[in-house]
């Protein structure tokens, strides 16, 4: 009987660990890695002017003042509306290229939060 209790307690402890959220430190590290990746991409392209990191909330729209916007990652997290705005759809990470009238672009590393 004691063995069954130990096995049950161990199983419950392991199942609790499996659903624990990622720590803030790990999330920050992943965000830093994504920004560093986009910074490296930008440095290799003369048309790229800058990299920015921004946060949006679900259903929020923005970045409508640019000539053209392209989603370069996270297409399920954000979308481009018919009016040319970026709209946050669900929590996660995404990135866009936002072009100005001269053809240069900036990369925006987006974090969508609830």
PDB file of N, CA and C in Angstrom:
ATOM      1  N   UNK A   1       0.816  -1.192   0.000  1.00  0.00           N
ATOM      2  CA  UNK A   1       0.000   0.000   0.000  1.00  0.00           C
ATOM      3  C   UNK A   1       0.864   1.262   0.000  1.00  0.00           C
ATOM      4  N   UNK A   2       1.927   1.239   0.825  1.00  0.00           N
ATOM      5  CA  UNK A   2       2.824   2.390   0.900  1.00  0.00           C
ATOM      6  C   UNK A   2       3.499   2.640  -0.452  1.00  0.00           C
ATOM      7  N   UNK A   3       3.853   1.573  -1.155  1.00  0.00           N
ATOM      8  CA  UNK A   3       4.471   1.692  -2.471  1.00  0.00           C
ATOM      9  C   UNK A   3       3.532   2.406  -3.456  1.00  0.00           C
ATOM     10  N   UNK A   4       2.241   2.067  -3.428  1.00  0.00           N
ATOM     11  CA  UNK A   4       1.252   2.697  -4.311  1.00  0.00           C
ATOM     12  C   UNK A   4       1.146   4.190  -4.024  1.00  0.00           C
ATOM     13  N   UNK A   5       1.198   4.572  -2.746  1.00  0.00           N
ATOM     14  CA  UNK A   5       1.130   5.987  -2.376  1.00  0.00           C
ATOM     15  C   UNK A   5       2.359   6.743  -2.902  1.00  0.00           C
ATOM     16  N   UNK A   6       3.512   6.114  -2.803  1.00  0.00           N
ATOM     17  CA  UNK A   6       4.736   6.746  -3.291  1.00  0.00           C
ATOM     18  C   UNK A   6       4.669   6.927  -4.808  1.00  0.00           C
ATOM     19  N   UNK A   7       4.220   5.898  -5.506  1.00  0.00           N
ATOM     20  CA  UNK A   7       4.095   5.976  -6.961  1.00  0.00           C
ATOM     21  C   UNK A   7       3.090   7.057  -7.347  1.00  0.00           C
ATOM     22  N   UNK A   8       1.961   7.104  -6.656  1.00  0.00           N
ATOM     23  CA  UNK A   8       0.939   8.117  -6.948  1.00  0.00           C
ATOM     24  C   UNK A   8       1.470   9.519  -6.672  1.00  0.00           C
ATOM     25  N   UNK A   9       2.141   9.696  -5.552  1.00  0.00           N
ATOM     26  CA  UNK A   9       2.708  11.005  -5.210  1.00  0.00           C
ATOM     27  C   UNK A   9       3.752  11.424  -6.244  1.00  0.00           C
ATOM     28  N   UNK A  10       4.574  10.494  -6.678  1.00  0.00           N
ATOM     29  CA  UNK A  10       5.594  10.790  -7.696  1.00  0.00           C
ATOM     30  C   UNK A  10       4.948  11.176  -9.017  1.00  0.00           C
ATOM     31  N   UNK A  11       3.912  10.455  -9.403  1.00  0.00           N
ATOM     32  CA  UNK A  11       3.218  10.757 -10.660  1.00  0.00           C
ATOM     33  C   UNK A  11       2.577  12.135 -10.605  1.00  0.00           C
ATOM     34  N   UNK A  12       1.968  12.474  -9.483  1.00  0.00           N
ATOM     35  CA  UNK A  12       1.354  13.801  -9.335  1.00  0.00           C
ATOM     36  C   UNK A  12       2.411  14.899  -9.383  1.00  0.00           C
ATOM     37  N   UNK A  13       3.538  14.673  -8.736  1.00  0.00           N
ATOM     38  CA  UNK A  13       4.612  15.667  -8.744  1.00  0.00           C
ATOM     39  C   UNK A  13       5.133  15.887 -10.157  1.00  0.00           C
ATOM     40  N   UNK A  14       5.328  14.822 -10.902  1.00  0.00           N
ATOM     41  CA  UNK A  14       5.817  14.942 -12.280  1.00  0.00           C
ATOM     42  C   UNK A  14       4.792  15.612 -13.180  1.00  0.00           C
ATOM     43  N   UNK A  15       3.514  15.303 -13.009  1.00  0.00           N
ATOM     44  CA  UNK A  15       2.500  15.922 -13.846  1.00  0.00           C
ATOM     45  C   UNK A  15       2.395  17.412 -13.552  1.00  0.00           C
ATOM     46  N   UNK A  16       2.633  17.811 -12.305  1.00  0.00           N
ATOM     47  CA  UNK A  16       2.628  19.233 -11.949  1.00  0.00           C
ATOM     48  C   UNK A  16       3.783  19.946 -12.630  1.00  0.00           C
ATOM     49  N   UNK A  17       4.942  19.317 -12.662  1.00  0.00           N
ATOM     50  CA  UNK A  17       6.093  19.929 -13.332  1.00  0.00           C
ATOM     51  C   UNK A  17       5.849  20.102 -14.822  1.00  0.00           C
ATOM     52  N   UNK A  18       5.141  19.177 -15.419  1.00  0.00           N
ATOM     53  CA  UNK A  18       4.914  19.221 -16.864  1.00  0.00           C
ATOM     54  C   UNK A  18       4.047  20.395 -17.279  1.00  0.00           C
ATOM     55  N   UNK A  19       3.200  20.907 -16.387  1.00  0.00           N
ATOM     56  CA  UNK A  19       2.319  22.004 -16.768  1.00  0.00           C
ATOM     57  C   UNK A  19       2.737  23.341 -16.162  1.00  0.00           C
ATOM     58  N   UNK A  20       3.887  23.396 -15.538  1.00  0.00           N
ATOM     59  CA  UNK A  20       4.349  24.652 -14.969  1.00  0.00           C
ATOM     60  C   UNK A  20       4.720  25.612 -16.093  1.00  0.00           C
ATOM     61  N   UNK A  21       4.403  26.900 -15.947  1.00  0.00           N
ATOM     62  CA  UNK A  21       4.731  27.871 -16.988  1.00  0.00           C
ATOM     63  C   UNK A  21       6.236  28.106 -17.091  1.00  0.00           C
ATOM     64  N   UNK A  22       6.658  28.583 -18.249  1.00  0.00           N
ATOM     65  CA  UNK A  22       8.065  28.918 -18.465  1.00  0.00           C
ATOM     66  C   UNK A  22       8.401  30.103 -17.574  1.00  0.00           C
ATOM     67  N   UNK A  23       9.545  30.083 -16.960  1.00  0.00           N
ATOM     68  CA  UNK A  23       9.923  31.170 -16.053  1.00  0.00           C
ATOM     69  C   UNK A  23      10.151  32.461 -16.836  1.00  0.00           C
ATOM     70  N   UNK A  24      10.050  33.566 -16.133  1.00  0.00           N
ATOM     71  CA  UNK A  24      10.275  34.876 -16.746  1.00  0.00           C
ATOM     72  C   UNK A  24      11.668  35.007 -17.323  1.00  0.00           C
ATOM     73  N   UNK A  25      12.640  34.368 -16.685  1.00  0.00           N
ATOM     74  CA  UNK A  25      14.022  34.432 -17.176  1.00  0.00           C
ATOM     75  C   UNK A  25      14.132  33.724 -18.522  1.00  0.00           C
ATOM     76  N   UNK A  26      13.489  32.553 -18.655  1.00  0.00           N
ATOM     77  CA  UNK A  26      13.537  31.827 -19.922  1.00  0.00           C
ATOM     78  C   UNK A  26      12.809  32.615 -21.011  1.00  0.00           C
ATOM     79  N   UNK A  27      11.669  33.245 -20.681  1.00  0.00           N
ATOM     80  CA  UNK A  27      10.940  34.039 -21.664  1.00  0.00           C
ATOM     81  C   UNK A  27      11.785  35.222 -22.122  1.00  0.00           C
ATOM     82  N   UNK A  28      12.447  35.894 -21.187  1.00  0.00           N
ATOM     83  CA  UNK A  28      13.294  37.033 -21.533  1.00  0.00           C
ATOM     84  C   UNK A  28      14.440  36.591 -22.417  1.00  0.00           C
ATOM     85  N   UNK A  29      15.028  35.437 -22.123  1.00  0.00           N
ATOM     86  CA  UNK A  29      16.125  34.920 -22.930  1.00  0.00           C
ATOM     87  C   UNK A  29      15.662  34.627 -24.355  1.00  0.00           C
ATOM     88  N   UNK A  30      14.481  34.021 -24.500  1.00  0.00           N
ATOM     89  CA  UNK A  30      13.947  33.729 -25.831  1.00  0.00           C
ATOM     90  C   UNK A  30      13.675  35.020 -26.592  1.00  0.00           C
ATOM     91  N   UNK A  31      13.156  36.036 -25.908  1.00  0.00           N
ATOM     92  CA  UNK A  31      12.893  37.323 -26.552  1.00  0.00           C
ATOM     93  C   UNK A  31      14.201  37.971 -27.006  1.00  0.00           C
ATOM     94  N   UNK A  32      15.242  37.897 -26.169  1.00  0.00           N
ATOM     95  CA  UNK A  32      16.555  38.442 -26.530  1.00  0.00           C
ATOM     96  C   UNK A  32      17.124  37.714 -27.739  1.00  0.00           C
ATOM     97  N   UNK A  33      16.963  36.389 -27.784  1.00  0.00           N
ATOM     98  CA  UNK A  33      17.470  35.600 -28.905  1.00  0.00           C
ATOM     99  C   UNK A  33      16.770  35.999 -30.199  1.00  0.00           C
ATOM    100  N   UNK A  34      15.458  36.205 -30.151  1.00  0.00           N
ATOM    101  CA  UNK A  34      14.711  36.607 -31.354  1.00  0.00           C
ATOM    102  C   UNK A  34      15.170  37.978 -31.823  1.00  0.00           C
ATOM    103  N   UNK A  35      15.325  38.925 -30.896  1.00  0.00           N
ATOM    104  CA  UNK A  35      15.762  40.270 -31.279  1.00  0.00           C
ATOM    105  C   UNK A  35      17.160  40.219 -31.880  1.00  0.00           C
ATOM    106  N   UNK A  36      18.045  39.434 -31.289  1.00  0.00           N
ATOM    107  CA  UNK A  36      19.417  39.299 -31.806  1.00  0.00           C
ATOM    108  C   UNK A  36      19.406  38.700 -33.208  1.00  0.00           C
ATOM    109  N   UNK A  37      18.524  37.716 -33.440  1.00  0.00           N
ATOM    110  CA  UNK A  37      18.401  37.127 -34.774  1.00  0.00           C
ATOM    111  C   UNK A  37      18.013  38.198 -35.792  1.00  0.00           C
ATOM    112  N   UNK A  38      16.979  38.997 -35.464  1.00  0.00           N
ATOM    113  CA  UNK A  38      16.536  40.025 -36.419  1.00  0.00           C
ATOM    114  C   UNK A  38      17.594  41.117 -36.589  1.00  0.00           C
ATOM    115  N   UNK A  39      18.345  41.416 -35.534  1.00  0.00           N
ATOM    116  CA  UNK A  39      19.439  42.382 -35.646  1.00  0.00           C
ATOM    117  C   UNK A  39      20.496  41.868 -36.623  1.00  0.00           C
ATOM    118  N   UNK A  40      20.830  40.585 -36.543  1.00  0.00           N
ATOM    119  CA  UNK A  40      21.794  39.986 -37.466  1.00  0.00           C
ATOM    120  C   UNK A  40      21.285  40.032 -38.905  1.00  0.00           C
ATOM    121  N   UNK A  41      20.002  39.725 -39.109  1.00  0.00           N
ATOM    122  CA  UNK A  41      19.397  39.782 -40.448  1.00  0.00           C
ATOM    123  C   UNK A  41      19.489  41.198 -40.994  1.00  0.00           C
ATOM    124  N   UNK A  42      19.167  42.177 -40.162  1.00  0.00           N
ATOM    125  CA  UNK A  42      19.171  43.582 -40.590  1.00  0.00           C
ATOM    126  C   UNK A  42      20.579  44.045 -40.970  1.00  0.00           C
ATOM    127  N   UNK A  43      21.564  43.653 -40.191  1.00  0.00           N
ATOM    128  CA  UNK A  43      22.937  44.069 -40.457  1.00  0.00           C
ATOM    129  C   UNK A  43      23.455  43.543 -41.793  1.00  0.00           C
ATOM    130  N   UNK A  44      22.876  42.455 -42.289  1.00  0.00           N
ATOM    131  CA  UNK A  44      23.323  41.861 -43.549  1.00  0.00           C
ATOM    132  C   UNK A  44      22.593  42.425 -44.766  1.00  0.00           C
ATOM    133  N   UNK A  45      21.663  43.346 -44.570  1.00  0.00           N
ATOM    134  CA  UNK A  45      20.873  43.889 -45.680  1.00  0.00           C
ATOM    135  C   UNK A  45      20.928  45.411 -45.662  1.00  0.00           C
ATOM    136  N   UNK A  46      21.450  46.001 -46.736  1.00  0.00           N
ATOM    137  CA  UNK A  46      21.565  47.459 -46.823  1.00  0.00           C
ATOM    138  C   UNK A  46      20.221  48.167 -46.817  1.00  0.00           C
ATOM    139  N   UNK A  47      19.158  47.481 -47.194  1.00  0.00           N
ATOM    140  CA  UNK A  47      17.822  48.095 -47.222  1.00  0.00           C
ATOM    141  C   UNK A  47      17.180  48.156 -45.838  1.00  0.00           C
ATOM    142  N   UNK A  48      17.729  47.420 -44.884  1.00  0.00           N
ATOM    143  CA  UNK A  48      17.184  47.406 -43.521  1.00  0.00           C
ATOM    144  C   UNK A  48      17.768  48.575 -42.733  1.00  0.00           C
ATOM    145  N   UNK A  49      16.893  49.380 -42.149  1.00  0.00           N
ATOM    146  CA  UNK A  49      17.357  50.561 -41.429  1.00  0.00           C
ATOM    147  C   UNK A  49      17.431  50.385 -39.923  1.00  0.00           C
ATOM    148  N   UNK A  50      16.613  49.474 -39.364  1.00  0.00           N
ATOM    149  CA  UNK A  50      16.513  49.403 -37.916  1.00  0.00           C
ATOM    150  C   UNK A  50      15.774  48.135 -37.485  1.00  0.00           C
ATOM    151  N   UNK A  51      15.961  47.761 -36.237  1.00  0.00           N
ATOM    152  CA  UNK A  51      15.182  46.683 -35.628  1.00  0.00           C
ATOM    153  C   UNK A  51      14.575  47.248 -34.354  1.00  0.00           C
ATOM    154  N   UNK A  52      13.282  47.021 -34.177  1.00  0.00           N
ATOM    155  CA  UNK A  52      12.590  47.495 -32.981  1.00  0.00           C
ATOM    156  C   UNK A  52      11.853  46.334 -32.340  1.00  0.00           C
ATOM    157  N   UNK A  53      11.683  46.405 -31.046  1.00  0.00           N
ATOM    158  CA  UNK A  53      10.930  45.396 -30.301  1.00  0.00           C
ATOM    159  C   UNK A  53       9.696  46.080 -29.731  1.00  0.00           C
ATOM    160  N   UNK A  54       8.518  45.552 -30.031  1.00  0.00           N
ATOM    161  CA  UNK A  54       7.265  46.158 -29.583  1.00  0.00           C
ATOM    162  C   UNK A  54       6.338  45.102 -29.000  1.00  0.00           C
ATOM    163  N   UNK A  55       5.399  45.547 -28.184  1.00  0.00           N
ATOM    164  CA  UNK A  55       4.380  44.680 -27.616  1.00  0.00           C
ATOM    165  C   UNK A  55       3.013  45.183 -28.062  1.00  0.00           C
ATOM    166  N   UNK A  56       2.147  44.253 -28.428  1.00  0.00           N
ATOM    167  CA  UNK A  56       0.761  44.574 -28.791  1.00  0.00           C
ATOM    168  C   UNK A  56      -0.159  43.705 -27.952  1.00  0.00           C
ATOM    169  N   UNK A  57      -1.386  44.137 -27.824  1.00  0.00           N
ATOM    170  CA  UNK A  57      -2.419  43.335 -27.158  1.00  0.00           C
ATOM    171  C   UNK A  57      -3.312  42.717 -28.225  1.00  0.00           C
ATOM    172  N   UNK A  58      -3.962  41.607 -27.883  1.00  0.00           N
ATOM    173  CA  UNK A  58      -4.880  40.954 -28.813  1.00  0.00           C
ATOM    174  C   UNK A  58      -5.943  41.953 -29.259  1.00  0.00           C
ATOM    175  N   UNK A  59      -6.273  41.928 -30.539  1.00  0.00           N
ATOM    176  CA  UNK A  59      -7.244  42.793 -31.218  1.00  0.00           C
ATOM    177  C   UNK A  59      -6.717  44.203 -31.471  1.00  0.00           C
ATOM    178  N   UNK A  60      -5.531  44.539 -30.989  1.00  0.00           N
ATOM    179  CA  UNK A  60      -4.943  45.844 -31.243  1.00  0.00           C
ATOM    180  C   UNK A  60      -4.434  45.903 -32.674  1.00  0.00           C
ATOM    181  N   UNK A  61      -4.547  47.072 -33.303  1.00  0.00           N
ATOM    182  CA  UNK A  61      -4.024  47.285 -34.653  1.00  0.00           C
ATOM    183  C   UNK A  61      -2.965  48.373 -34.617  1.00  0.00           C
ATOM    184  N   UNK A  62      -2.028  48.295 -35.551  1.00  0.00           N
ATOM    185  CA  UNK A  62      -0.980  49.303 -35.618  1.00  0.00           C
ATOM    186  C   UNK A  62      -0.188  49.208 -36.899  1.00  0.00           C
ATOM    187  N   UNK A  63       0.783  50.082 -37.036  1.00  0.00           N
ATOM    188  CA  UNK A  63       1.729  50.110 -38.153  1.00  0.00           C
ATOM    189  C   UNK A  63       1.060  50.380 -39.494  1.00  0.00           C
ATOM    190  N   UNK A  64      -0.005  51.161 -39.515  1.00  0.00           N
ATOM    191  CA  UNK A  64      -0.701  51.467 -40.755  1.00  0.00           C
ATOM    192  C   UNK A  64      -0.091  52.608 -41.545  1.00  0.00           C
ATOM    193  N   UNK A  65       0.912  53.275 -41.011  1.00  0.00           N
ATOM    194  CA  UNK A  65       1.486  54.438 -41.688  1.00  0.00           C
ATOM    195  C   UNK A  65       2.613  54.076 -42.662  1.00  0.00           C
ATOM    196  N   UNK A  66       2.899  52.816 -42.816  1.00  0.00           N
ATOM    197  CA  UNK A  66       3.981  52.392 -43.713  1.00  0.00           C
ATOM    198  C   UNK A  66       3.452  52.114 -45.115  1.00  0.00           C
ATOM    199  N   UNK A  67       4.339  52.223 -46.111  1.00  0.00           N
ATOM    200  CA  UNK A  67       3.970  51.970 -47.505  1.00  0.00           C
ATOM    201  C   UNK A  67       3.530  50.523 -47.717  1.00  0.00           C
ATOM    202  N   UNK A  68       4.266  49.616 -47.072  1.00  0.00           N
ATOM    203  CA  UNK A  68       4.000  48.189 -47.240  1.00  0.00           C
ATOM    204  C   UNK A  68       4.449  47.469 -45.980  1.00  0.00           C
ATOM    205  N   UNK A  69       3.721  46.424 -45.615  1.00  0.00           N
ATOM    206  CA  UNK A  69       4.073  45.606 -44.453  1.00  0.00           C
ATOM    207  C   UNK A  69       4.057  44.141 -44.869  1.00  0.00           C
ATOM    208  N   UNK A  70       5.082  43.418 -44.448  1.00  0.00           N
ATOM    209  CA  UNK A  70       5.163  41.975 -44.698  1.00  0.00           C
ATOM    210  C   UNK A  70       5.344  41.250 -43.377  1.00  0.00           C
ATOM    211  N   UNK A  71       4.642  40.148 -43.210  1.00  0.00           N
ATOM    212  CA  UNK A  71       4.863  39.283 -42.050  1.00  0.00           C
ATOM    213  C   UNK A  71       6.023  38.358 -42.397  1.00  0.00           C
ATOM    214  N   UNK A  72       7.054  38.350 -41.555  1.00  0.00           N
ATOM    215  CA  UNK A  72       8.192  37.471 -41.822  1.00  0.00           C
ATOM    216  C   UNK A  72       8.266  36.302 -40.839  1.00  0.00           C
ATOM    217  N   UNK A  73       7.499  36.360 -39.762  1.00  0.00           N
ATOM    218  CA  UNK A  73       7.339  35.207 -38.879  1.00  0.00           C
ATOM    219  C   UNK A  73       6.102  35.419 -38.010  1.00  0.00           C
ATOM    220  N   UNK A  74       5.488  34.313 -37.595  1.00  0.00           N
ATOM    221  CA  UNK A  74       4.335  34.397 -36.707  1.00  0.00           C
ATOM    222  C   UNK A  74       3.036  34.738 -37.393  1.00  0.00           C
ATOM    223  N   UNK A  75       2.815  34.195 -38.580  1.00  0.00           N
ATOM    224  CA  UNK A  75       1.597  34.515 -39.340  1.00  0.00           C
ATOM    225  C   UNK A  75       0.325  34.110 -38.597  1.00  0.00           C
ATOM    226  N   UNK A  76       0.373  33.175 -37.691  1.00  0.00           N
ATOM    227  CA  UNK A  76      -0.813  32.807 -36.922  1.00  0.00           C
ATOM    228  C   UNK A  76      -1.048  33.716 -35.726  1.00  0.00           C
ATOM    229  N   UNK A  77      -0.056  34.520 -35.379  1.00  0.00           N
ATOM    230  CA  UNK A  77      -0.132  35.408 -34.221  1.00  0.00           C
ATOM    231  C   UNK A  77      -0.667  36.783 -34.626  1.00  0.00           C
ATOM    232  N   UNK A  78      -0.299  37.230 -35.814  1.00  0.00           N
ATOM    233  CA  UNK A  78      -0.750  38.525 -36.330  1.00  0.00           C
ATOM    234  C   UNK A  78      -1.290  38.345 -37.740  1.00  0.00           C
ATOM    235  N   UNK A  79      -1.996  39.354 -38.230  1.00  0.00           N
ATOM    236  CA  UNK A  79      -2.462  39.356 -39.612  1.00  0.00           C
ATOM    237  C   UNK A  79      -2.402  40.786 -40.137  1.00  0.00           C
ATOM    238  N   UNK A  80      -2.466  40.930 -41.447  1.00  0.00           N
ATOM    239  CA  UNK A  80      -2.534  42.257 -42.046  1.00  0.00           C
ATOM    240  C   UNK A  80      -3.970  42.464 -42.515  1.00  0.00           C
ATOM    241  N   UNK A  81      -4.576  43.547 -42.054  1.00  0.00           N
ATOM    242  CA  UNK A  81      -5.971  43.820 -42.390  1.00  0.00           C
ATOM    243  C   UNK A  81      -6.084  44.346 -43.822  1.00  0.00           C
ATOM    244  N   UNK A  82      -7.310  44.426 -44.310  1.00  0.00           N
ATOM    245  CA  UNK A  82      -7.552  44.976 -45.651  1.00  0.00           C
ATOM    246  C   UNK A  82      -7.088  46.424 -45.758  1.00  0.00           C
ATOM    247  N   UNK A  83      -7.093  47.132 -44.649  1.00  0.00           N
ATOM    248  CA  UNK A  83      -6.663  48.540 -44.641  1.00  0.00           C
ATOM    249  C   UNK A  83      -5.150  48.690 -44.531  1.00  0.00           C
ATOM    250  N   UNK A  84      -4.426  47.571 -44.400  1.00  0.00           N
ATOM    251  CA  UNK A  84      -2.972  47.617 -44.340  1.00  0.00           C
ATOM    252  C   UNK A  84      -2.395  47.755 -42.949  1.00  0.00           C
ATOM    253  N   UNK A  85      -3.171  47.456 -41.931  1.00  0.00           N
ATOM    254  CA  UNK A  85      -2.704  47.501 -40.562  1.00  0.00           C
ATOM    255  C   UNK A  85      -2.321  46.095 -40.085  1.00  0.00           C
ATOM    256  N   UNK A  86      -1.405  46.047 -39.126  1.00  0.00           N
ATOM    257  CA  UNK A  86      -1.085  44.789 -38.460  1.00  0.00           C
ATOM    258  C   UNK A  86      -2.091  44.632 -37.326  1.00  0.00           C
ATOM    259  N   UNK A  87      -2.721  43.464 -37.245  1.00  0.00           N
ATOM    260  CA  UNK A  87      -3.676  43.191 -36.170  1.00  0.00           C
ATOM    261  C   UNK A  87      -3.205  41.985 -35.376  1.00  0.00           C
ATOM    262  N   UNK A  88      -3.150  42.134 -34.048  1.00  0.00           N
ATOM    263  CA  UNK A  88      -2.761  41.046 -33.157  1.00  0.00           C
ATOM    264  C   UNK A  88      -3.937  40.089 -32.996  1.00  0.00           C
ATOM    265  N   UNK A  89      -3.695  38.806 -33.238  1.00  0.00           N
ATOM    266  CA  UNK A  89      -4.764  37.809 -33.234  1.00  0.00           C
ATOM    267  C   UNK A  89      -4.727  36.937 -31.981  1.00  0.00           C
ATOM    268  N   UNK A  90      -3.535  36.471 -31.596  1.00  0.00           N
ATOM    269  CA  UNK A  90      -3.421  35.612 -30.417  1.00  0.00           C
ATOM    270  C   UNK A  90      -2.044  35.810 -29.789  1.00  0.00           C
ATOM    271  N   UNK A  91      -1.878  35.429 -28.528  1.00  0.00           N
ATOM    272  CA  UNK A  91      -0.586  35.622 -27.861  1.00  0.00           C
ATOM    273  C   UNK A  91       0.534  34.852 -28.566  1.00  0.00           C
ATOM    274  N   UNK A  92       1.701  35.454 -28.589  1.00  0.00           N
ATOM    275  CA  UNK A  92       2.859  34.800 -29.181  1.00  0.00           C
ATOM    276  C   UNK A  92       3.868  35.800 -29.697  1.00  0.00           C
ATOM    277  N   UNK A  93       4.788  35.318 -30.519  1.00  0.00           N
ATOM    278  CA  UNK A  93       5.844  36.138 -31.107  1.00  0.00           C
ATOM    279  C   UNK A  93       5.656  36.205 -32.609  1.00  0.00           C
ATOM    280  N   UNK A  94       5.961  37.355 -33.174  1.00  0.00           N
ATOM    281  CA  UNK A  94       5.878  37.550 -34.625  1.00  0.00           C
ATOM    282  C   UNK A  94       6.899  38.613 -35.017  1.00  0.00           C
ATOM    283  N   UNK A  95       7.101  38.757 -36.311  1.00  0.00           N
ATOM    284  CA  UNK A  95       7.983  39.811 -36.815  1.00  0.00           C
ATOM    285  C   UNK A  95       7.452  40.289 -38.156  1.00  0.00           C
ATOM    286  N   UNK A  96       7.639  41.581 -38.414  1.00  0.00           N
ATOM    287  CA  UNK A  96       7.214  42.178 -39.687  1.00  0.00           C
ATOM    288  C   UNK A  96       8.350  42.996 -40.277  1.00  0.00           C
ATOM    289  N   UNK A  97       8.236  43.229 -41.567  1.00  0.00           N
ATOM    290  CA  UNK A  97       9.047  44.236 -42.255  1.00  0.00           C
ATOM    291  C   UNK A  97       8.105  45.372 -42.579  1.00  0.00           C
ATOM    292  N   UNK A  98       8.436  46.569 -42.154  1.00  0.00           N
ATOM    293  CA  UNK A  98       7.625  47.752 -42.416  1.00  0.00           C
ATOM    294  C   UNK A  98       8.434  48.683 -43.319  1.00  0.00           C
ATOM    295  N   UNK A  99       7.960  48.847 -44.572  1.00  0.00           N
ATOM    296  CA  UNK A  99       8.687  49.614 -45.583  1.00  0.00           C
ATOM    297  C   UNK A  99       8.257  51.077 -45.582  1.00  0.00           C
ATOM    298  N   UNK A 100       9.227  51.976 -45.744  1.00  0.00           N
ATOM    299  CA  UNK A 100       8.892  53.392 -45.911  1.00  0.00           C
ATOM    300  C   UNK A 100       8.841  53.732 -47.399  1.00  0.00           C
ATOM    301  N   UNK A 101       8.609  54.988 -47.719  1.00  0.00           N
ATOM    302  CA  UNK A 101       8.431  55.394 -49.125  1.00  0.00           C
ATOM    303  C   UNK A 101       9.706  55.274 -49.956  1.00  0.00           C
ATOM    304  N   UNK A 102      10.884  55.218 -49.313  1.00  0.00           N
ATOM    305  CA  UNK A 102      12.142  55.102 -50.053  1.00  0.00           C
ATOM    306  C   UNK A 102      12.507  53.650 -50.367  1.00  0.00           C
ATOM    307  N   UNK A 103      11.722  52.703 -49.859  1.00  0.00           N
ATOM    308  CA  UNK A 103      12.007  51.288 -50.084  1.00  0.00           C
ATOM    309  C   UNK A 103      12.816  50.639 -48.980  1.00  0.00           C
ATOM    310  N   UNK A 104      13.295  51.450 -48.038  1.00  0.00           N
ATOM    311  CA  UNK A 104      13.984  50.883 -46.879  1.00  0.00           C
ATOM    312  C   UNK A 104      12.938  50.335 -45.913  1.00  0.00           C
ATOM    313  N   UNK A 105      13.361  49.392 -45.102  1.00  0.00           N
ATOM    314  CA  UNK A 105      12.416  48.819 -44.153  1.00  0.00           C
ATOM    315  C   UNK A 105      13.042  48.698 -42.778  1.00  0.00           C
ATOM    316  N   UNK A 106      12.172  48.585 -41.789  1.00  0.00           N
ATOM    317  CA  UNK A 106      12.610  48.240 -40.448  1.00  0.00           C
ATOM    318  C   UNK A 106      11.956  46.918 -40.074  1.00  0.00           C
ATOM    319  N   UNK A 107      12.639  46.144 -39.254  1.00  0.00           N
ATOM    320  CA  UNK A 107      12.075  44.898 -38.746  1.00  0.00           C
ATOM    321  C   UNK A 107      11.509  45.191 -37.364  1.00  0.00           C
ATOM    322  N   UNK A 108      10.272  44.792 -37.162  1.00  0.00           N
ATOM    323  CA  UNK A 108       9.646  44.968 -35.848  1.00  0.00           C
ATOM    324  C   UNK A 108       9.412  43.573 -35.270  1.00  0.00           C
ATOM    325  N   UNK A 109      10.077  43.324 -34.143  1.00  0.00           N
ATOM    326  CA  UNK A 109       9.926  42.061 -33.412  1.00  0.00           C
ATOM    327  C   UNK A 109       8.764  42.259 -32.443  1.00  0.00           C
ATOM    328  N   UNK A 110       7.639  41.603 -32.703  1.00  0.00           N
ATOM    329  CA  UNK A 110       6.415  41.828 -31.939  1.00  0.00           C
ATOM    330  C   UNK A 110       6.165  40.717 -30.922  1.00  0.00           C
ATOM    331  N   UNK A 111       5.735  41.124 -29.754  1.00  0.00           N
ATOM    332  CA  UNK A 111       5.240  40.201 -28.746  1.00  0.00           C
ATOM    333  C   UNK A 111       3.772  40.540 -28.549  1.00  0.00           C
ATOM    334  N   UNK A 112       2.900  39.562 -28.763  1.00  0.00           N
ATOM    335  CA  UNK A 112       1.470  39.784 -28.566  1.00  0.00           C
ATOM    336  C   UNK A 112       1.082  39.179 -27.227  1.00  0.00           C
ATOM    337  N   UNK A 113       0.489  40.017 -26.386  1.00  0.00           N
ATOM    338  CA  UNK A 113       0.065  39.601 -25.047  1.00  0.00           C
ATOM    339  C   UNK A 113      -1.452  39.697 -24.946  1.00  0.00           C
ATOM    340  N   UNK A 114      -2.024  39.015 -23.957  1.00  0.00           N
ATOM    341  CA  UNK A 114      -3.464  39.084 -23.724  1.00  0.00           C
ATOM    342  C   UNK A 114      -3.812  40.469 -23.394  1.00  0.00           C
TER     343      UNK A 114
END
